[in-house]
Every structure is written in structure tokens, then in C-alpha cells.
């Protein structure tokens, strides 16, 4: 399920250029405290990794000033998504019962909230609401390397990541086909985001996904690539 959240500030909304950690804290704060602590501290294990199974968009609004500090007009939209109903339900209830919210140094009020059940077929085209990040650690090395949409391994790792999410949610192996391919990519879609002192390379763009309806729904509700709960990889269907 997907939440579309419209918020209104008292005046202009200001955020640092890299604000993912602020949005992440915002969403953790606006759900049931027990669930929030579970997701933050534990999550859903898969091998040596832990998945949180939620993602969120960048701030969507009219940007009127760029630089190290971003200034938006007072009304903004945020998207939050998870394939787990309990997470979305918890967030929805919290937003509806609160009168005011704090996003960084900004005081906001809820204008509206909409719960969206995404429609999927076995082939969809998506665009990024937050950039996709994919990385690997080359054999024999300790430092990882970010991949880009011109590398085939970029898409292979996205598919492997989606299958892991499917197996966590459904408790069984994924045996159907899955394809991820570029529709529109550009060097201008490269984004550099600093998250708690770490520089992350990520990519926006348009992509075509093919597979079962269940796994494509996971793509829309849990995100593509890595670091989804840090605000990466949220996509929306456009075709």
C-alpha cells in the first residue's frame, strides 16, 4: 500500500540539501512506537541482512531556492509505501490523529492523506520518486562500488534484491520470470546524497519491469535497489 501525504507549512519549508535522514526520522516518529522500534532495531532478517520493507519519496513541491539549503513553497507532498499492511495502517492512524508535525525545523499541518493500492500487470513502466542505489563489494576488496544504469549488473542486483523481498513476504522461493530494463536514463539523473556522513550515489530515470503481479507490487511498495528505508528506490507506475 502507498500513502500520499499532503502537508502545509506555516511559511516556506527549508531543508538541507541532503535531507533523507530527516524524512526517515519523520516517518519512524509517525507510526506506532513499538512498530517503529522493531523496524529500526530489528527488521526482517534475510541471511546476514535485515530488511525494513518500507520506502519513501523525496520531497515533492515547488522548489524556489537551491544550494546547501533547499527552500520549498509551503505545500509539499510525500509518498510512503510498504507491502505490509500493518506498517501503512500504523502510519495512517498516526497522521490522522495528530494536529501538527515537525519536519526538521519546519512546523507542518496535514492537508490530506490518501491510501493508494497500486494497480499492477505483468509489465509496467515506472519512474523514480526517489533515486535508486545499487552497490557491490568486488572480490578481494573491502570497499564497495556503486553501479550505474549502463551496467548490466545494476539490473541483475535489482532483480536479486526484489526476489529476497518476495521470499521474506511470501515465505517461499520466487520461480517466475523477472526483468528490469531501462526506458530513459541520463547522466543528468545521477544524484549524490549524503546520509549521516556517507556519500551515496543513486540514479533516477524510467524503467520497465516484467514479472508476476506479486513481485511487481513489491517493487512499487518496497522499492527498487538498496537502502529503501533511507529514502531510495521508490518508484511509481506511469504505464
C-alpha atoms as a PDB file:
ATOM      1  CA  UNK A   1       0.000   0.000   0.000  1.00  0.00           C
ATOM      2  CA  UNK A   2       1.060   3.576  -0.649  1.00  0.00           C
ATOM      3  CA  UNK A   3       0.319   6.733   1.312  1.00  0.00           C
ATOM      4  CA  UNK A   4       0.122  10.090  -0.425  1.00  0.00           C
ATOM      5  CA  UNK A   5       0.578  12.743   2.255  1.00  0.00           C
ATOM      6  CA  UNK A   6      -0.040  16.432   1.603  1.00  0.00           C
ATOM      7  CA  UNK A   7       1.393  18.803   4.208  1.00  0.00           C
ATOM      8  CA  UNK A   8       1.192  22.555   4.686  1.00  0.00           C
ATOM      9  CA  UNK A   9       3.831  24.702   6.345  1.00  0.00           C
ATOM     10  CA  UNK A  10       3.253  27.980   8.142  1.00  0.00           C
ATOM     11  CA  UNK A  11       5.711  29.596   5.744  1.00  0.00           C
ATOM     12  CA  UNK A  12       8.377  28.450   3.331  1.00  0.00           C
ATOM     13  CA  UNK A  13       9.761  24.983   4.099  1.00  0.00           C
ATOM     14  CA  UNK A  14      13.545  24.759   4.377  1.00  0.00           C
ATOM     15  CA  UNK A  15      15.625  21.586   4.408  1.00  0.00           C
ATOM     16  CA  UNK A  16      19.309  20.798   3.951  1.00  0.00           C
ATOM     17  CA  UNK A  17      20.387  19.604   0.514  1.00  0.00           C
ATOM     18  CA  UNK A  18      20.691  16.025   1.810  1.00  0.00           C
ATOM     19  CA  UNK A  19      17.579  15.530   3.903  1.00  0.00           C
ATOM     20  CA  UNK A  20      16.961  11.766   3.705  1.00  0.00           C
ATOM     21  CA  UNK A  21      17.807  11.229   7.387  1.00  0.00           C
ATOM     22  CA  UNK A  22      15.272  13.916   8.344  1.00  0.00           C
ATOM     23  CA  UNK A  23      12.500  12.252   6.320  1.00  0.00           C
ATOM     24  CA  UNK A  24      13.408   8.838   7.689  1.00  0.00           C
ATOM     25  CA  UNK A  25      13.152  10.116  11.280  1.00  0.00           C
ATOM     26  CA  UNK A  26       9.846  11.798  10.362  1.00  0.00           C
ATOM     27  CA  UNK A  27       8.318   8.509   9.217  1.00  0.00           C
ATOM     28  CA  UNK A  28       9.691   6.499  12.133  1.00  0.00           C
ATOM     29  CA  UNK A  29       8.212   9.058  14.515  1.00  0.00           C
ATOM     30  CA  UNK A  30       4.804   8.973  12.863  1.00  0.00           C
ATOM     31  CA  UNK A  31       3.931   5.331  13.394  1.00  0.00           C
ATOM     32  CA  UNK A  32       3.240   3.166  16.435  1.00  0.00           C
ATOM     33  CA  UNK A  33       6.277   3.415  18.770  1.00  0.00           C
ATOM     34  CA  UNK A  34       6.570  -0.361  19.242  1.00  0.00           C
ATOM     35  CA  UNK A  35       6.463  -0.998  15.498  1.00  0.00           C
ATOM     36  CA  UNK A  36       8.852   1.869  14.877  1.00  0.00           C
ATOM     37  CA  UNK A  37      11.386   0.445  17.334  1.00  0.00           C
ATOM     38  CA  UNK A  38      11.060  -3.044  15.820  1.00  0.00           C
ATOM     39  CA  UNK A  39      11.686  -1.771  12.300  1.00  0.00           C
ATOM     40  CA  UNK A  40      14.546   0.480  13.375  1.00  0.00           C
ATOM     41  CA  UNK A  41      16.340  -2.034  15.608  1.00  0.00           C
ATOM     42  CA  UNK A  42      15.429  -5.441  14.177  1.00  0.00           C
ATOM     43  CA  UNK A  43      13.560  -5.536  10.872  1.00  0.00           C
ATOM     44  CA  UNK A  44      13.109  -8.709   8.828  1.00  0.00           C
ATOM     45  CA  UNK A  45      16.224 -10.888   8.551  1.00  0.00           C
ATOM     46  CA  UNK A  46      17.411 -12.490   5.312  1.00  0.00           C
ATOM     47  CA  UNK A  47      20.764 -14.208   5.725  1.00  0.00           C
ATOM     48  CA  UNK A  48      23.152 -11.637   7.156  1.00  0.00           C
ATOM     49  CA  UNK A  49      20.978  -8.725   6.057  1.00  0.00           C
ATOM     50  CA  UNK A  50      17.921  -7.099   7.577  1.00  0.00           C
ATOM     51  CA  UNK A  51      15.116  -5.567   5.541  1.00  0.00           C
ATOM     52  CA  UNK A  52      12.736  -2.884   6.827  1.00  0.00           C
ATOM     53  CA  UNK A  53      10.229  -3.310   3.969  1.00  0.00           C
ATOM     54  CA  UNK A  54       9.243   0.314   3.539  1.00  0.00           C
ATOM     55  CA  UNK A  55      10.384   3.198   1.406  1.00  0.00           C
ATOM     56  CA  UNK A  56       9.533   6.830   0.775  1.00  0.00           C
ATOM     57  CA  UNK A  57       9.826   9.538  -1.853  1.00  0.00           C
ATOM     58  CA  UNK A  58      11.832  12.699  -1.943  1.00  0.00           C
ATOM     59  CA  UNK A  59      10.008  15.927  -1.068  1.00  0.00           C
ATOM     60  CA  UNK A  60       7.669  16.818  -3.916  1.00  0.00           C
ATOM     61  CA  UNK A  61       6.845  20.501  -4.163  1.00  0.00           C
ATOM     62  CA  UNK A  62       7.784  23.745  -5.826  1.00  0.00           C
ATOM     63  CA  UNK A  63      11.459  24.378  -5.124  1.00  0.00           C
ATOM     64  CA  UNK A  64      12.149  28.094  -5.150  1.00  0.00           C
ATOM     65  CA  UNK A  65      15.744  28.172  -3.949  1.00  0.00           C
ATOM     66  CA  UNK A  66      18.604  25.714  -4.341  1.00  0.00           C
ATOM     67  CA  UNK A  67      22.000  25.478  -2.684  1.00  0.00           C
ATOM     68  CA  UNK A  68      23.068  23.844   0.559  1.00  0.00           C
ATOM     69  CA  UNK A  69      19.644  24.822   1.914  1.00  0.00           C
ATOM     70  CA  UNK A  70      16.564  23.973  -0.158  1.00  0.00           C
ATOM     71  CA  UNK A  71      13.514  26.214   0.102  1.00  0.00           C
ATOM     72  CA  UNK A  72      10.080  24.924  -0.919  1.00  0.00           C
ATOM     73  CA  UNK A  73       6.751  26.680  -1.167  1.00  0.00           C
ATOM     74  CA  UNK A  74       4.565  25.919   1.879  1.00  0.00           C
ATOM     75  CA  UNK A  75       2.641  22.925   0.476  1.00  0.00           C
ATOM     76  CA  UNK A  76       4.543  19.679  -0.135  1.00  0.00           C
ATOM     77  CA  UNK A  77       3.706  16.052  -0.898  1.00  0.00           C
ATOM     78  CA  UNK A  78       5.397  12.939   0.462  1.00  0.00           C
ATOM     79  CA  UNK A  79       4.841   9.337  -0.544  1.00  0.00           C
ATOM     80  CA  UNK A  80       5.372   6.459   1.889  1.00  0.00           C
ATOM     81  CA  UNK A  81       4.944   2.798   0.969  1.00  0.00           C
ATOM     82  CA  UNK A  82       5.173  -0.718   2.356  1.00  0.00           C
ATOM     83  CA  UNK A  83       3.909  -4.131   1.224  1.00  0.00           C
ATOM     84  CA  UNK A  84       2.949  -4.814   4.857  1.00  0.00           C
ATOM     85  CA  UNK A  85      -0.496  -3.532   5.806  1.00  0.00           C
ATOM     86  CA  UNK A  86       0.403  -3.124   9.496  1.00  0.00           C
ATOM     87  CA  UNK A  87       3.104  -0.566   8.659  1.00  0.00           C
ATOM     88  CA  UNK A  88       0.863   1.501   6.388  1.00  0.00           C
ATOM     89  CA  UNK A  89      -2.095   1.247   8.773  1.00  0.00           C
ATOM     90  CA  UNK A  90       0.033   2.389  11.714  1.00  0.00           C
ATOM     91  CA  UNK A  91       1.291   5.418   9.814  1.00  0.00           C
ATOM     92  CA  UNK A  92      -2.178   6.329   8.569  1.00  0.00           C
ATOM     93  CA  UNK A  93      -3.680   6.249  12.063  1.00  0.00           C
ATOM     94  CA  UNK A  94      -0.853   8.366  13.483  1.00  0.00           C
ATOM     95  CA  UNK A  95      -1.151  11.025  10.797  1.00  0.00           C
ATOM     96  CA  UNK A  96      -4.924  11.232  11.205  1.00  0.00           C
ATOM     97  CA  UNK A  97      -4.875  11.695  14.971  1.00  0.00           C
ATOM     98  CA  UNK A  98      -2.153  14.362  15.130  1.00  0.00           C
ATOM     99  CA  UNK A  99      -2.767  18.063  14.511  1.00  0.00           C
ATOM    100  CA  UNK A 100       0.778  19.175  13.809  1.00  0.00           C
ATOM    101  CA  UNK A 101       4.080  17.707  12.677  1.00  0.00           C
ATOM    102  CA  UNK A 102       7.723  18.595  12.813  1.00  0.00           C
ATOM    103  CA  UNK A 103       9.940  18.052   9.759  1.00  0.00           C
ATOM    104  CA  UNK A 104      13.429  19.243  10.557  1.00  0.00           C
ATOM    105  CA  UNK A 105      12.880  22.793  11.784  1.00  0.00           C
ATOM    106  CA  UNK A 106       9.544  23.145   9.999  1.00  0.00           C
ATOM    107  CA  UNK A 107       6.109  23.074  11.613  1.00  0.00           C
ATOM    108  CA  UNK A 108       3.570  21.407   9.337  1.00  0.00           C
ATOM    109  CA  UNK A 109      -0.116  20.553   9.308  1.00  0.00           C
ATOM    110  CA  UNK A 110      -1.819  17.694   7.497  1.00  0.00           C
ATOM    111  CA  UNK A 111      -3.815  18.801   4.453  1.00  0.00           C
ATOM    112  CA  UNK A 112      -4.854  15.352   3.267  1.00  0.00           C
ATOM    113  CA  UNK A 113      -3.805  11.716   3.284  1.00  0.00           C
ATOM    114  CA  UNK A 114      -4.754   9.116   0.688  1.00  0.00           C
ATOM    115  CA  UNK A 115      -4.235   5.358   0.781  1.00  0.00           C
ATOM    116  CA  UNK A 116      -3.422   4.005  -2.666  1.00  0.00           C
ATOM    117  CA  UNK A 117      -3.476   0.363  -3.721  1.00  0.00           C
ATOM    118  CA  UNK A 118      -1.226   0.249  -6.794  1.00  0.00           C
ATOM    119  CA  UNK A 119      -2.522  -1.432  -9.921  1.00  0.00           C
ATOM    120  CA  UNK A 120      -0.122  -3.895 -11.492  1.00  0.00           C
ATOM    121  CA  UNK A 121       0.032  -6.035 -14.589  1.00  0.00           C
ATOM    122  CA  UNK A 122       2.819  -8.373 -15.674  1.00  0.00           C
ATOM    123  CA  UNK A 123       4.577  -5.471 -17.403  1.00  0.00           C
ATOM    124  CA  UNK A 124       4.744  -1.911 -16.098  1.00  0.00           C
ATOM    125  CA  UNK A 125       6.773   1.234 -16.704  1.00  0.00           C
ATOM    126  CA  UNK A 126       7.847   3.234 -13.668  1.00  0.00           C
ATOM    127  CA  UNK A 127       9.575   6.495 -12.832  1.00  0.00           C
ATOM    128  CA  UNK A 128      11.592   7.265  -9.731  1.00  0.00           C
ATOM    129  CA  UNK A 129      10.078   9.183  -6.840  1.00  0.00           C
ATOM    130  CA  UNK A 130      13.429   8.770  -5.098  1.00  0.00           C
ATOM    131  CA  UNK A 131      16.674   7.685  -6.772  1.00  0.00           C
ATOM    132  CA  UNK A 132      17.787   4.040  -6.963  1.00  0.00           C
ATOM    133  CA  UNK A 133      21.099   2.996  -5.422  1.00  0.00           C
ATOM    134  CA  UNK A 134      22.854  -0.289  -6.208  1.00  0.00           C
ATOM    135  CA  UNK A 135      26.293  -1.325  -5.000  1.00  0.00           C
ATOM    136  CA  UNK A 136      28.604  -4.319  -4.612  1.00  0.00           C
ATOM    137  CA  UNK A 137      31.885  -5.185  -2.928  1.00  0.00           C
ATOM    138  CA  UNK A 138      34.333  -6.516  -5.563  1.00  0.00           C
ATOM    139  CA  UNK A 139      36.051  -9.797  -4.657  1.00  0.00           C
ATOM    140  CA  UNK A 140      39.176  -9.248  -2.608  1.00  0.00           C
ATOM    141  CA  UNK A 141      38.252  -5.673  -1.737  1.00  0.00           C
ATOM    142  CA  UNK A 142      36.804  -4.111   1.394  1.00  0.00           C
ATOM    143  CA  UNK A 143      35.266  -1.003  -0.170  1.00  0.00           C
ATOM    144  CA  UNK A 144      32.046  -1.285  -2.121  1.00  0.00           C
ATOM    145  CA  UNK A 145      31.378   0.268  -5.517  1.00  0.00           C
ATOM    146  CA  UNK A 146      28.197   1.929  -6.714  1.00  0.00           C
ATOM    147  CA  UNK A 147      26.809   0.697 -10.027  1.00  0.00           C
ATOM    148  CA  UNK A 148      25.111   2.760 -12.725  1.00  0.00           C
ATOM    149  CA  UNK A 149      22.231   2.097 -15.159  1.00  0.00           C
ATOM    150  CA  UNK A 150      24.632   1.441 -18.067  1.00  0.00           C
ATOM    151  CA  UNK A 151      25.964  -1.658 -16.319  1.00  0.00           C
ATOM    152  CA  UNK A 152      24.031  -4.905 -16.707  1.00  0.00           C
ATOM    153  CA  UNK A 153      24.859  -5.849 -13.123  1.00  0.00           C
ATOM    154  CA  UNK A 154      22.837  -2.828 -11.959  1.00  0.00           C
ATOM    155  CA  UNK A 155      19.684  -4.609 -13.160  1.00  0.00           C
ATOM    156  CA  UNK A 156      20.795  -8.068 -12.013  1.00  0.00           C
ATOM    157  CA  UNK A 157      21.253  -6.843  -8.459  1.00  0.00           C
ATOM    158  CA  UNK A 158      17.889  -5.050  -8.512  1.00  0.00           C
ATOM    159  CA  UNK A 159      16.239  -8.339  -9.510  1.00  0.00           C
ATOM    160  CA  UNK A 160      18.057 -10.330  -6.815  1.00  0.00           C
ATOM    161  CA  UNK A 161      17.049  -7.755  -4.216  1.00  0.00           C
ATOM    162  CA  UNK A 162      13.392  -7.921  -5.291  1.00  0.00           C
ATOM    163  CA  UNK A 163      13.405 -11.709  -5.062  1.00  0.00           C
ATOM    164  CA  UNK A 164      14.743 -11.538  -1.492  1.00  0.00           C
ATOM    165  CA  UNK A 165      11.905  -9.187  -0.538  1.00  0.00           C
ATOM    166  CA  UNK A 166       9.404 -11.545  -2.165  1.00  0.00           C
ATOM    167  CA  UNK A 167      10.797 -14.519  -0.219  1.00  0.00           C
ATOM    168  CA  UNK A 168      10.587 -12.613   3.090  1.00  0.00           C
ATOM    169  CA  UNK A 169       6.979 -11.591   2.479  1.00  0.00           C
ATOM    170  CA  UNK A 170       5.635 -14.832   0.977  1.00  0.00           C
ATOM    171  CA  UNK A 171       7.929 -17.335   2.703  1.00  0.00           C
ATOM    172  CA  UNK A 172       8.707 -19.231  -0.500  1.00  0.00           C
ATOM    173  CA  UNK A 173      11.067 -19.113  -3.465  1.00  0.00           C
ATOM    174  CA  UNK A 174      10.262 -16.991  -6.490  1.00  0.00           C
ATOM    175  CA  UNK A 175      10.072 -19.250  -9.549  1.00  0.00           C
ATOM    176  CA  UNK A 176       8.600 -16.948 -12.207  1.00  0.00           C
ATOM    177  CA  UNK A 177      10.407 -14.636 -14.601  1.00  0.00           C
ATOM    178  CA  UNK A 178      11.506 -11.116 -13.744  1.00  0.00           C
ATOM    179  CA  UNK A 179      13.067  -8.453 -15.940  1.00  0.00           C
ATOM    180  CA  UNK A 180      14.239  -4.901 -15.262  1.00  0.00           C
ATOM    181  CA  UNK A 181      15.378  -2.726 -18.157  1.00  0.00           C
ATOM    182  CA  UNK A 182      15.959   0.977 -18.812  1.00  0.00           C
ATOM    183  CA  UNK A 183      13.443   3.106 -20.696  1.00  0.00           C
ATOM    184  CA  UNK A 184      15.034   6.521 -20.222  1.00  0.00           C
ATOM    185  CA  UNK A 185      18.327   7.100 -18.440  1.00  0.00           C
ATOM    186  CA  UNK A 186      20.687  10.062 -18.492  1.00  0.00           C
ATOM    187  CA  UNK A 187      23.906  11.178 -16.843  1.00  0.00           C
ATOM    188  CA  UNK A 188      21.826  14.086 -15.504  1.00  0.00           C
ATOM    189  CA  UNK A 189      19.796  11.622 -13.426  1.00  0.00           C
ATOM    190  CA  UNK A 190      22.785  10.898 -11.196  1.00  0.00           C
ATOM    191  CA  UNK A 191      22.239  12.013  -7.603  1.00  0.00           C
ATOM    192  CA  UNK A 192      24.750  12.297  -4.783  1.00  0.00           C
ATOM    193  CA  UNK A 193      23.179  12.130  -1.346  1.00  0.00           C
ATOM    194  CA  UNK A 194      24.967  12.426   1.970  1.00  0.00           C
ATOM    195  CA  UNK A 195      23.289  10.172   4.519  1.00  0.00           C
ATOM    196  CA  UNK A 196      24.684  10.518   8.054  1.00  0.00           C
ATOM    197  CA  UNK A 197      28.147  11.326   6.746  1.00  0.00           C
ATOM    198  CA  UNK A 198      28.198   8.720   3.954  1.00  0.00           C
ATOM    199  CA  UNK A 199      28.110   9.797   0.302  1.00  0.00           C
ATOM    200  CA  UNK A 200      25.640   7.658  -1.643  1.00  0.00           C
ATOM    201  CA  UNK A 201      25.427   7.582  -5.435  1.00  0.00           C
ATOM    202  CA  UNK A 202      21.942   6.962  -6.806  1.00  0.00           C
ATOM    203  CA  UNK A 203      20.068   7.249 -10.095  1.00  0.00           C
ATOM    204  CA  UNK A 204      16.665   8.483 -11.160  1.00  0.00           C
ATOM    205  CA  UNK A 205      15.126   7.547 -14.510  1.00  0.00           C
ATOM    206  CA  UNK A 206      12.395   5.499 -16.151  1.00  0.00           C
ATOM    207  CA  UNK A 207      12.411   1.696 -16.168  1.00  0.00           C
ATOM    208  CA  UNK A 208      10.339  -1.219 -17.466  1.00  0.00           C
ATOM    209  CA  UNK A 209       9.560  -4.104 -15.101  1.00  0.00           C
ATOM    210  CA  UNK A 210       8.268  -7.518 -16.135  1.00  0.00           C
ATOM    211  CA  UNK A 211       7.265 -10.326 -13.791  1.00  0.00           C
ATOM    212  CA  UNK A 212       4.413 -11.680 -11.722  1.00  0.00           C
ATOM    213  CA  UNK A 213       1.922  -9.189 -10.337  1.00  0.00           C
ATOM    214  CA  UNK A 214       3.022 -10.078  -6.798  1.00  0.00           C
ATOM    215  CA  UNK A 215       6.668  -9.198  -7.304  1.00  0.00           C
ATOM    216  CA  UNK A 216       5.886  -6.045  -9.299  1.00  0.00           C
ATOM    217  CA  UNK A 217       3.617  -4.910  -6.477  1.00  0.00           C
ATOM    218  CA  UNK A 218       6.553  -5.369  -4.118  1.00  0.00           C
ATOM    219  CA  UNK A 219       8.639  -3.176  -6.429  1.00  0.00           C
ATOM    220  CA  UNK A 220       6.070  -0.391  -6.049  1.00  0.00           C
ATOM    221  CA  UNK A 221       5.547  -0.847  -2.311  1.00  0.00           C
ATOM    222  CA  UNK A 222       9.033  -1.750  -1.041  1.00  0.00           C
ATOM    223  CA  UNK A 223      11.234  -0.016  -3.624  1.00  0.00           C
ATOM    224  CA  UNK A 224      13.972  -0.972  -6.082  1.00  0.00           C
ATOM    225  CA  UNK A 225      17.618  -1.477  -5.181  1.00  0.00           C
ATOM    226  CA  UNK A 226      19.177  -0.962  -1.772  1.00  0.00           C
ATOM    227  CA  UNK A 227      18.702   1.441   1.149  1.00  0.00           C
ATOM    228  CA  UNK A 228      14.948   1.778   0.619  1.00  0.00           C
ATOM    229  CA  UNK A 229      14.229   2.762   4.267  1.00  0.00           C
ATOM    230  CA  UNK A 230      16.783   5.564   3.892  1.00  0.00           C
ATOM    231  CA  UNK A 231      14.654   7.048   1.107  1.00  0.00           C
ATOM    232  CA  UNK A 232      15.980   5.368  -2.020  1.00  0.00           C
ATOM    233  CA  UNK A 233      14.323   3.420  -4.816  1.00  0.00           C
ATOM    234  CA  UNK A 234      10.669   4.422  -4.563  1.00  0.00           C
ATOM    235  CA  UNK A 235       9.019   4.249  -7.980  1.00  0.00           C
ATOM    236  CA  UNK A 236       5.521   4.890  -9.306  1.00  0.00           C
ATOM    237  CA  UNK A 237       3.777   3.314 -12.244  1.00  0.00           C
ATOM    238  CA  UNK A 238       3.236   5.581 -15.240  1.00  0.00           C
ATOM    239  CA  UNK A 239       2.260   2.935 -17.845  1.00  0.00           C
END
